Each structure stands twice: as C-alpha cells, then as structure tokens.
Amino acid sequence: MGVAVTALFYHIIENGMHKAVTGISSGLAWAHFVLMNVGAAAATWMLMYAGYIGGTGLLAATQGGGGLSAGQVHPHIVGYVNPIGYAVIAVALGVLLGGIAFMITLRKSE
C-alpha cells in the first residue's frame, strides 16, 4: 500500500505540479521503489516462513507437528531475526531516499 501511495505522490508531482523527476531525483526515486518493494517482500516472506516453522513445531506430534515447546522452537526460528531486520532497514532506506527525491524535486524552480 505504501508503494502505491508514493507512486501517487510522484504522479501528482509530475502531472499535477508539472515538476519533472529527473537527474539524481530519478535515481533516488528508482532506489525508493526497488528498496521498498524488495525489502517489504523479503521481510514479509521471511516472517511468514518463520511463523510457519514455529507453528508447525508447536503443533502436537499426533497432529503432524513437531510437538515442541516454545523454548525448543526458538532455535529453529532465531536465524530469521537478523535477515528480517536487514530487509526492514532496506525499506527504511528506500523511504529515506524517496523523501530526499521528493524534496529535491519540489524545490526545483521550474
């Protein structure tokens, strides 16, 4: 949803305000979209997979699960913490770069 809204902002800036996103702003805008999309998708999929691993580990063995306690499941999912954090950092960096692109473009005197 955030990517769609920021795309709308770029549309308004270019078509409504008649300010072209060119030069360094264009590169920052591309980085904005790529980092937000890739980071959000990566974080979401890793969170889903870690949740699946944890959920199946906690499920009773008679129901096809691992029959583990919460303490026993933790080592199976703890490896996802840092990669998820890196993906969230990529999203935040994308947002920051997009904000810089917005400001550079809006300050143009065209």
Protein backbone atom coordinates (compact mmCIF):
# COMPACT_ATOMS: atom_id res chain seq x y z
CA MET A 1 0.00 0.00 0.00
CA GLY A 2 2.84 2.36 0.82
CA VAL A 3 4.46 1.85 -2.56
CA ALA A 4 1.17 2.62 -4.32
CA VAL A 5 0.69 5.81 -2.32
CA THR A 6 4.22 7.02 -3.01
CA ALA A 7 3.70 6.28 -6.71
CA LEU A 8 0.65 8.53 -6.50
CA PHE A 9 2.83 11.26 -4.96
CA TYR A 10 5.26 11.03 -7.88
CA HIS A 11 2.32 11.18 -10.28
CA ILE A 12 0.95 14.31 -8.58
CA ILE A 13 4.37 15.97 -8.56
CA GLU A 14 4.96 15.30 -12.26
CA ASN A 15 1.46 15.73 -13.68
CA GLY A 16 -0.28 17.96 -11.17
CA MET A 17 2.59 20.26 -10.22
CA HIS A 18 4.41 19.93 -13.57
CA LYS A 19 7.79 19.25 -11.98
CA ALA A 20 9.83 16.56 -13.71
CA VAL A 21 11.62 13.95 -11.63
CA THR A 22 14.96 13.99 -13.45
CA GLY A 23 18.64 13.57 -12.76
CA ILE A 24 19.59 12.48 -9.24
CA SER A 25 15.93 12.61 -8.21
CA SER A 26 15.11 9.98 -10.80
CA GLY A 27 17.80 7.66 -9.45
CA LEU A 28 16.64 8.22 -5.90
CA ALA A 29 13.04 7.53 -6.96
CA TRP A 30 14.08 4.23 -8.55
CA ALA A 31 16.04 3.28 -5.43
CA HIS A 32 12.97 4.24 -3.40
CA PHE A 33 10.68 1.87 -5.29
CA VAL A 34 13.17 -1.00 -5.57
CA LEU A 35 14.26 -0.96 -1.92
CA MET A 36 10.70 -0.61 -0.65
CA ASN A 37 9.35 -3.42 -2.84
CA VAL A 38 12.22 -5.85 -2.35
CA GLY A 39 12.60 -5.13 1.37
CA ALA A 40 8.88 -5.41 2.12
CA ALA A 41 8.50 -8.61 0.12
CA ALA A 42 11.58 -10.19 1.69
CA ALA A 43 10.57 -9.27 5.25
CA THR A 44 7.02 -10.47 4.70
CA TRP A 45 8.02 -13.84 3.25
CA MET A 46 10.62 -14.46 5.95
CA LEU A 47 8.10 -13.58 8.67
CA MET A 48 5.56 -15.94 7.12
CA TYR A 49 8.08 -18.77 6.84
CA ALA A 50 9.39 -18.31 10.38
CA GLY A 51 5.79 -18.31 11.62
CA TYR A 52 5.10 -21.50 9.69
CA ILE A 53 8.20 -23.17 11.16
CA GLY A 54 7.24 -22.05 14.65
CA GLY A 55 3.61 -23.03 14.27
CA THR A 56 4.32 -26.49 12.94
CA GLY A 57 6.94 -27.00 15.61
CA LEU A 58 4.41 -26.18 18.34
CA LEU A 59 1.70 -28.36 16.83
CA ALA A 60 1.20 -31.67 18.62
CA ALA A 61 3.08 -34.61 17.14
CA THR A 62 -0.20 -36.54 16.91
CA GLN A 63 -1.44 -33.86 14.52
CA GLY A 64 1.65 -33.91 12.32
CA GLY A 65 3.59 -31.21 14.11
CA GLY A 66 6.86 -31.25 15.95
CA GLY A 67 5.38 -31.46 19.42
CA LEU A 68 7.93 -28.95 20.68
CA SER A 69 7.67 -26.42 23.48
CA ALA A 70 8.22 -22.70 22.89
CA GLY A 71 11.77 -22.99 24.17
CA GLN A 72 12.51 -25.78 21.73
CA VAL A 73 11.04 -23.89 18.75
CA HIS A 74 13.10 -20.78 19.37
CA PRO A 75 16.38 -22.17 17.96
CA HIS A 76 14.56 -23.05 14.72
CA ILE A 77 13.36 -19.50 14.07
CA VAL A 78 16.00 -17.30 15.68
CA GLY A 79 18.08 -17.36 12.50
CA TYR A 80 15.45 -15.26 10.74
CA VAL A 81 15.70 -12.28 13.09
CA ASN A 82 18.72 -10.57 11.50
CA PRO A 83 17.69 -11.12 7.86
CA ILE A 84 14.24 -9.72 8.62
CA GLY A 85 15.90 -6.74 10.28
CA TYR A 86 18.07 -6.16 7.22
CA ALA A 87 15.00 -6.25 4.99
CA VAL A 88 13.28 -3.67 7.22
CA ILE A 89 16.41 -1.49 7.03
CA ALA A 90 16.23 -1.71 3.22
CA VAL A 91 12.61 -0.48 3.38
CA ALA A 92 13.59 2.38 5.68
CA LEU A 93 16.49 3.35 3.41
CA GLY A 94 14.11 3.33 0.44
CA VAL A 95 11.73 5.63 2.28
CA LEU A 96 14.57 7.99 3.18
CA LEU A 97 15.86 8.12 -0.39
CA GLY A 98 12.33 8.70 -1.66
CA GLY A 99 11.88 11.58 0.77
CA ILE A 100 15.10 13.13 -0.49
CA ALA A 101 13.89 12.70 -4.09
CA PHE A 102 10.60 14.39 -3.20
CA MET A 103 12.36 17.33 -1.57
CA ILE A 104 14.84 17.83 -4.42
CA THR A 105 12.04 17.73 -6.99
CA LEU A 106 9.71 20.01 -5.04
CA ARG A 107 12.44 22.62 -4.56
CA LYS A 108 13.02 22.90 -8.31
CA SER A 109 12.05 26.30 -9.68
CA GLU A 110 10.66 25.01 -12.99
